[in-house]
Amino acid sequence: MTINADNQNPIMNSAEERRRRFLEEFEKPFKCEKCNERFKKKKYLREHKSEVHSY
């Protein structure tokens, strides 16, 4: 069992959890700082920021 640094809740370090983290971090490495949405390409992140957070 590990501790999630964001909210200090224990989470199981199961194979399913490791797979989910792998997919988030390696298939979609670009993360929006404002809403935590992830993108495959930096271009998509830039487009997202300009369309969603441009106010």
PDB file of N, CA and C in Angstrom:
ATOM      1  N   MET A   1       0.846  -1.176   0.000  1.00  0.00           N
ATOM      2  CA  MET A   1       0.000   0.000   0.000  1.00  0.00           C
ATOM      3  C   MET A   1       0.893   1.241   0.000  1.00  0.00           C
ATOM      4  N   THR A   2       0.493   2.245  -0.778  1.00  0.00           N
ATOM      5  CA  THR A   2       1.230   3.502  -0.840  1.00  0.00           C
ATOM      6  C   THR A   2       0.320   4.640  -0.416  1.00  0.00           C
ATOM      7  N   ILE A   3       0.911   5.785  -0.154  1.00  0.00           N
ATOM      8  CA  ILE A   3       0.147   6.966   0.226  1.00  0.00           C
ATOM      9  C   ILE A   3       0.141   7.935  -0.951  1.00  0.00           C
ATOM     10  N   ASN A   4      -1.031   8.370  -1.324  1.00  0.00           N
ATOM     11  CA  ASN A   4      -1.183   9.355  -2.385  1.00  0.00           C
ATOM     12  C   ASN A   4      -0.802  10.719  -1.813  1.00  0.00           C
ATOM     13  N   ALA A   5       0.194  11.369  -2.390  1.00  0.00           N
ATOM     14  CA  ALA A   5       0.720  12.623  -1.856  1.00  0.00           C
ATOM     15  C   ALA A   5      -0.286  13.770  -1.944  1.00  0.00           C
ATOM     16  N   ASP A   6      -1.226  13.708  -2.882  1.00  0.00           N
ATOM     17  CA  ASP A   6      -2.176  14.812  -3.063  1.00  0.00           C
ATOM     18  C   ASP A   6      -3.152  14.944  -1.904  1.00  0.00           C
ATOM     19  N   ASN A   7      -3.763  13.847  -1.511  1.00  0.00           N
ATOM     20  CA  ASN A   7      -4.779  13.947  -0.466  1.00  0.00           C
ATOM     21  C   ASN A   7      -4.522  13.004   0.705  1.00  0.00           C
ATOM     22  N   GLN A   8      -3.384  12.362   0.741  1.00  0.00           N
ATOM     23  CA  GLN A   8      -2.965  11.509   1.850  1.00  0.00           C
ATOM     24  C   GLN A   8      -3.883  10.312   2.087  1.00  0.00           C
ATOM     25  N   ASN A   9      -4.628   9.866   1.081  1.00  0.00           N
ATOM     26  CA  ASN A   9      -5.441   8.667   1.207  1.00  0.00           C
ATOM     27  C   ASN A   9      -4.643   7.460   0.753  1.00  0.00           C
ATOM     28  N   PRO A  10      -4.707   6.367   1.487  1.00  0.00           N
ATOM     29  CA  PRO A  10      -3.995   5.170   1.029  1.00  0.00           C
ATOM     30  C   PRO A  10      -4.646   4.610  -0.229  1.00  0.00           C
ATOM     31  N   ILE A  11      -3.841   4.196  -1.175  1.00  0.00           N
ATOM     32  CA  ILE A  11      -4.347   3.561  -2.388  1.00  0.00           C
ATOM     33  C   ILE A  11      -3.617   2.244  -2.582  1.00  0.00           C
ATOM     34  N   MET A  12      -4.284   1.301  -3.153  1.00  0.00           N
ATOM     35  CA  MET A  12      -3.671  -0.002  -3.395  1.00  0.00           C
ATOM     36  C   MET A  12      -2.739   0.099  -4.595  1.00  0.00           C
ATOM     37  N   ASN A  13      -1.585  -0.493  -4.494  1.00  0.00           N
ATOM     38  CA  ASN A  13      -0.621  -0.483  -5.583  1.00  0.00           C
ATOM     39  C   ASN A  13      -0.802  -1.758  -6.405  1.00  0.00           C
ATOM     40  N   SER A  14      -2.002  -1.927  -6.926  1.00  0.00           N
ATOM     41  CA  SER A  14      -2.349  -3.122  -7.679  1.00  0.00           C
ATOM     42  C   SER A  14      -1.855  -3.007  -9.113  1.00  0.00           C
ATOM     43  N   ALA A  15      -1.925  -4.099  -9.823  1.00  0.00           N
ATOM     44  CA  ALA A  15      -1.535  -4.107 -11.233  1.00  0.00           C
ATOM     45  C   ALA A  15      -2.420  -3.151 -12.025  1.00  0.00           C
ATOM     46  N   GLU A  16      -3.692  -3.086 -11.666  1.00  0.00           N
ATOM     47  CA  GLU A  16      -4.617  -2.194 -12.364  1.00  0.00           C
ATOM     48  C   GLU A  16      -4.235  -0.723 -12.136  1.00  0.00           C
ATOM     49  N   GLU A  17      -3.872  -0.386 -10.906  1.00  0.00           N
ATOM     50  CA  GLU A  17      -3.458   0.981 -10.593  1.00  0.00           C
ATOM     51  C   GLU A  17      -2.161   1.334 -11.313  1.00  0.00           C
ATOM     52  N   ARG A  18      -1.203   0.431 -11.365  1.00  0.00           N
ATOM     53  CA  ARG A  18       0.056   0.671 -12.084  1.00  0.00           C
ATOM     54  C   ARG A  18      -0.198   0.864 -13.572  1.00  0.00           C
ATOM     55  N   ARG A  19      -1.098   0.067 -14.134  1.00  0.00           N
ATOM     56  CA  ARG A  19      -1.441   0.197 -15.559  1.00  0.00           C
ATOM     57  C   ARG A  19      -2.084   1.554 -15.832  1.00  0.00           C
ATOM     58  N   ARG A  20      -3.006   1.981 -14.970  1.00  0.00           N
ATOM     59  CA  ARG A  20      -3.670   3.268 -15.143  1.00  0.00           C
ATOM     60  C   ARG A  20      -2.657   4.408 -15.104  1.00  0.00           C
ATOM     61  N   ARG A  21      -1.731   4.372 -14.153  1.00  0.00           N
ATOM     62  CA  ARG A  21      -0.708   5.418 -14.065  1.00  0.00           C
ATOM     63  C   ARG A  21       0.201   5.393 -15.289  1.00  0.00           C
ATOM     64  N   PHE A  22       0.564   4.193 -15.756  1.00  0.00           N
ATOM     65  CA  PHE A  22       1.404   4.077 -16.948  1.00  0.00           C
ATOM     66  C   PHE A  22       0.719   4.733 -18.136  1.00  0.00           C
ATOM     67  N   LEU A  23      -0.545   4.418 -18.335  1.00  0.00           N
ATOM     68  CA  LEU A  23      -1.281   4.976 -19.467  1.00  0.00           C
ATOM     69  C   LEU A  23      -1.363   6.486 -19.377  1.00  0.00           C
ATOM     70  N   GLU A  24      -1.609   7.017 -18.187  1.00  0.00           N
ATOM     71  CA  GLU A  24      -1.693   8.469 -18.014  1.00  0.00           C
ATOM     72  C   GLU A  24      -0.363   9.144 -18.289  1.00  0.00           C
ATOM     73  N   GLU A  25       0.709   8.609 -17.721  1.00  0.00           N
ATOM     74  CA  GLU A  25       1.991   9.289 -17.768  1.00  0.00           C
ATOM     75  C   GLU A  25       2.749   9.085 -19.077  1.00  0.00           C
ATOM     76  N   PHE A  26       2.586   7.939 -19.723  1.00  0.00           N
ATOM     77  CA  PHE A  26       3.371   7.660 -20.912  1.00  0.00           C
ATOM     78  C   PHE A  26       2.604   7.792 -22.213  1.00  0.00           C
ATOM     79  N   GLU A  27       1.324   7.482 -22.212  1.00  0.00           N
ATOM     80  CA  GLU A  27       0.552   7.653 -23.440  1.00  0.00           C
ATOM     81  C   GLU A  27       0.067   9.086 -23.594  1.00  0.00           C
ATOM     82  N   LYS A  28      -0.145   9.759 -22.481  1.00  0.00           N
ATOM     83  CA  LYS A  28      -0.586  11.160 -22.495  1.00  0.00           C
ATOM     84  C   LYS A  28       0.302  11.951 -21.535  1.00  0.00           C
ATOM     85  N   PRO A  29       1.516  12.270 -21.959  1.00  0.00           N
ATOM     86  CA  PRO A  29       2.482  12.888 -21.047  1.00  0.00           C
ATOM     87  C   PRO A  29       2.259  14.375 -20.786  1.00  0.00           C
ATOM     88  N   PHE A  30       1.428  15.046 -21.579  1.00  0.00           N
ATOM     89  CA  PHE A  30       1.259  16.494 -21.438  1.00  0.00           C
ATOM     90  C   PHE A  30       0.010  16.787 -20.618  1.00  0.00           C
ATOM     91  N   LYS A  31       0.195  17.425 -19.472  1.00  0.00           N
ATOM     92  CA  LYS A  31      -0.879  17.640 -18.511  1.00  0.00           C
ATOM     93  C   LYS A  31      -1.160  19.126 -18.348  1.00  0.00           C
ATOM     94  N   CYS A  32      -2.443  19.481 -18.403  1.00  0.00           N
ATOM     95  CA  CYS A  32      -2.870  20.850 -18.158  1.00  0.00           C
ATOM     96  C   CYS A  32      -2.770  21.134 -16.661  1.00  0.00           C
ATOM     97  N   GLU A  33      -2.116  22.242 -16.308  1.00  0.00           N
ATOM     98  CA  GLU A  33      -1.928  22.581 -14.900  1.00  0.00           C
ATOM     99  C   GLU A  33      -3.224  23.043 -14.234  1.00  0.00           C
ATOM    100  N   LYS A  34      -4.149  23.561 -15.032  1.00  0.00           N
ATOM    101  CA  LYS A  34      -5.379  24.121 -14.464  1.00  0.00           C
ATOM    102  C   LYS A  34      -6.461  23.083 -14.210  1.00  0.00           C
ATOM    103  N   CYS A  35      -6.599  22.101 -15.111  1.00  0.00           N
ATOM    104  CA  CYS A  35      -7.700  21.141 -14.953  1.00  0.00           C
ATOM    105  C   CYS A  35      -7.233  19.682 -14.901  1.00  0.00           C
ATOM    106  N   ASN A  36      -5.931  19.459 -15.027  1.00  0.00           N
ATOM    107  CA  ASN A  36      -5.324  18.122 -14.942  1.00  0.00           C
ATOM    108  C   ASN A  36      -5.711  17.178 -16.073  1.00  0.00           C
ATOM    109  N   GLU A  37      -6.291  17.701 -17.133  1.00  0.00           N
ATOM    110  CA  GLU A  37      -6.571  16.873 -18.307  1.00  0.00           C
ATOM    111  C   GLU A  37      -5.250  16.567 -19.000  1.00  0.00           C
ATOM    112  N   ARG A  38      -5.139  15.381 -19.599  1.00  0.00           N
ATOM    113  CA  ARG A  38      -3.884  14.961 -20.234  1.00  0.00           C
ATOM    114  C   ARG A  38      -4.061  14.819 -21.734  1.00  0.00           C
ATOM    115  N   PHE A  39      -2.935  15.004 -22.467  1.00  0.00           N
ATOM    116  CA  PHE A  39      -2.949  14.977 -23.930  1.00  0.00           C
ATOM    117  C   PHE A  39      -1.756  14.209 -24.469  1.00  0.00           C
ATOM    118  N   LYS A  40      -1.944  13.610 -25.649  1.00  0.00           N
ATOM    119  CA  LYS A  40      -0.868  12.857 -26.284  1.00  0.00           C
ATOM    120  C   LYS A  40       0.200  13.770 -26.867  1.00  0.00           C
ATOM    121  N   LYS A  41      -0.217  14.924 -27.359  1.00  0.00           N
ATOM    122  CA  LYS A  41       0.726  15.822 -28.027  1.00  0.00           C
ATOM    123  C   LYS A  41       0.685  17.199 -27.383  1.00  0.00           C
ATOM    124  N   LYS A  42       1.836  17.853 -27.383  1.00  0.00           N
ATOM    125  CA  LYS A  42       1.933  19.193 -26.831  1.00  0.00           C
ATOM    126  C   LYS A  42       1.020  20.159 -27.586  1.00  0.00           C
ATOM    127  N   LYS A  43       0.877  19.909 -28.876  1.00  0.00           N
ATOM    128  CA  LYS A  43      -0.003  20.722 -29.717  1.00  0.00           C
ATOM    129  C   LYS A  43      -1.434  20.694 -29.185  1.00  0.00           C
ATOM    130  N   TYR A  44      -1.907  19.511 -28.791  1.00  0.00           N
ATOM    131  CA  TYR A  44      -3.267  19.380 -28.278  1.00  0.00           C
ATOM    132  C   TYR A  44      -3.421  20.111 -26.945  1.00  0.00           C
ATOM    133  N   LEU A  45      -2.380  20.069 -26.125  1.00  0.00           N
ATOM    134  CA  LEU A  45      -2.409  20.806 -24.867  1.00  0.00           C
ATOM    135  C   LEU A  45      -2.489  22.305 -25.118  1.00  0.00           C
ATOM    136  N   ARG A  46      -1.691  22.809 -26.055  1.00  0.00           N
ATOM    137  CA  ARG A  46      -1.733  24.236 -26.382  1.00  0.00           C
ATOM    138  C   ARG A  46      -3.116  24.641 -26.889  1.00  0.00           C
ATOM    139  N   GLU A  47      -3.706  23.814 -27.759  1.00  0.00           N
ATOM    140  CA  GLU A  47      -5.038  24.105 -28.279  1.00  0.00           C
ATOM    141  C   GLU A  47      -6.068  24.114 -27.149  1.00  0.00           C
ATOM    142  N   HIS A  48      -5.968  23.150 -26.267  1.00  0.00           N
ATOM    143  CA  HIS A  48      -6.874  23.071 -25.125  1.00  0.00           C
ATOM    144  C   HIS A  48      -6.770  24.331 -24.272  1.00  0.00           C
ATOM    145  N   LYS A  49      -5.548  24.743 -23.959  1.00  0.00           N
ATOM    146  CA  LYS A  49      -5.360  25.937 -23.124  1.00  0.00           C
ATOM    147  C   LYS A  49      -5.947  27.173 -23.792  1.00  0.00           C
ATOM    148  N   SER A  50      -5.740  27.311 -25.093  1.00  0.00           N
ATOM    149  CA  SER A  50      -6.246  28.503 -25.764  1.00  0.00           C
ATOM    150  C   SER A  50      -7.766  28.494 -25.907  1.00  0.00           C
ATOM    151  N   GLU A  51      -8.373  27.322 -26.008  1.00  0.00           N
ATOM    152  CA  GLU A  51      -9.827  27.253 -26.171  1.00  0.00           C
ATOM    153  C   GLU A  51     -10.582  27.225 -24.845  1.00  0.00           C
ATOM    154  N   VAL A  52     -10.031  26.548 -23.854  1.00  0.00           N
ATOM    155  CA  VAL A  52     -10.758  26.334 -22.608  1.00  0.00           C
ATOM    156  C   VAL A  52     -10.371  27.341 -21.528  1.00  0.00           C
ATOM    157  N   HIS A  53      -9.100  27.675 -21.443  1.00  0.00           N
ATOM    158  CA  HIS A  53      -8.612  28.526 -20.350  1.00  0.00           C
ATOM    159  C   HIS A  53      -8.129  29.897 -20.819  1.00  0.00           C
ATOM    160  N   SER A  54      -8.665  30.409 -21.889  1.00  0.00           N
ATOM    161  CA  SER A  54      -8.137  31.646 -22.481  1.00  0.00           C
ATOM    162  C   SER A  54      -8.855  32.918 -22.021  1.00  0.00           C
ATOM    163  N   TYR A  55      -9.606  32.861 -20.974  1.00  0.00           N
ATOM    164  CA  TYR A  55     -10.340  34.052 -20.529  1.00  0.00           C
ATOM    165  C   TYR A  55      -9.556  34.902 -19.591  1.00  0.00           C
TER     166      TYR A  55
END
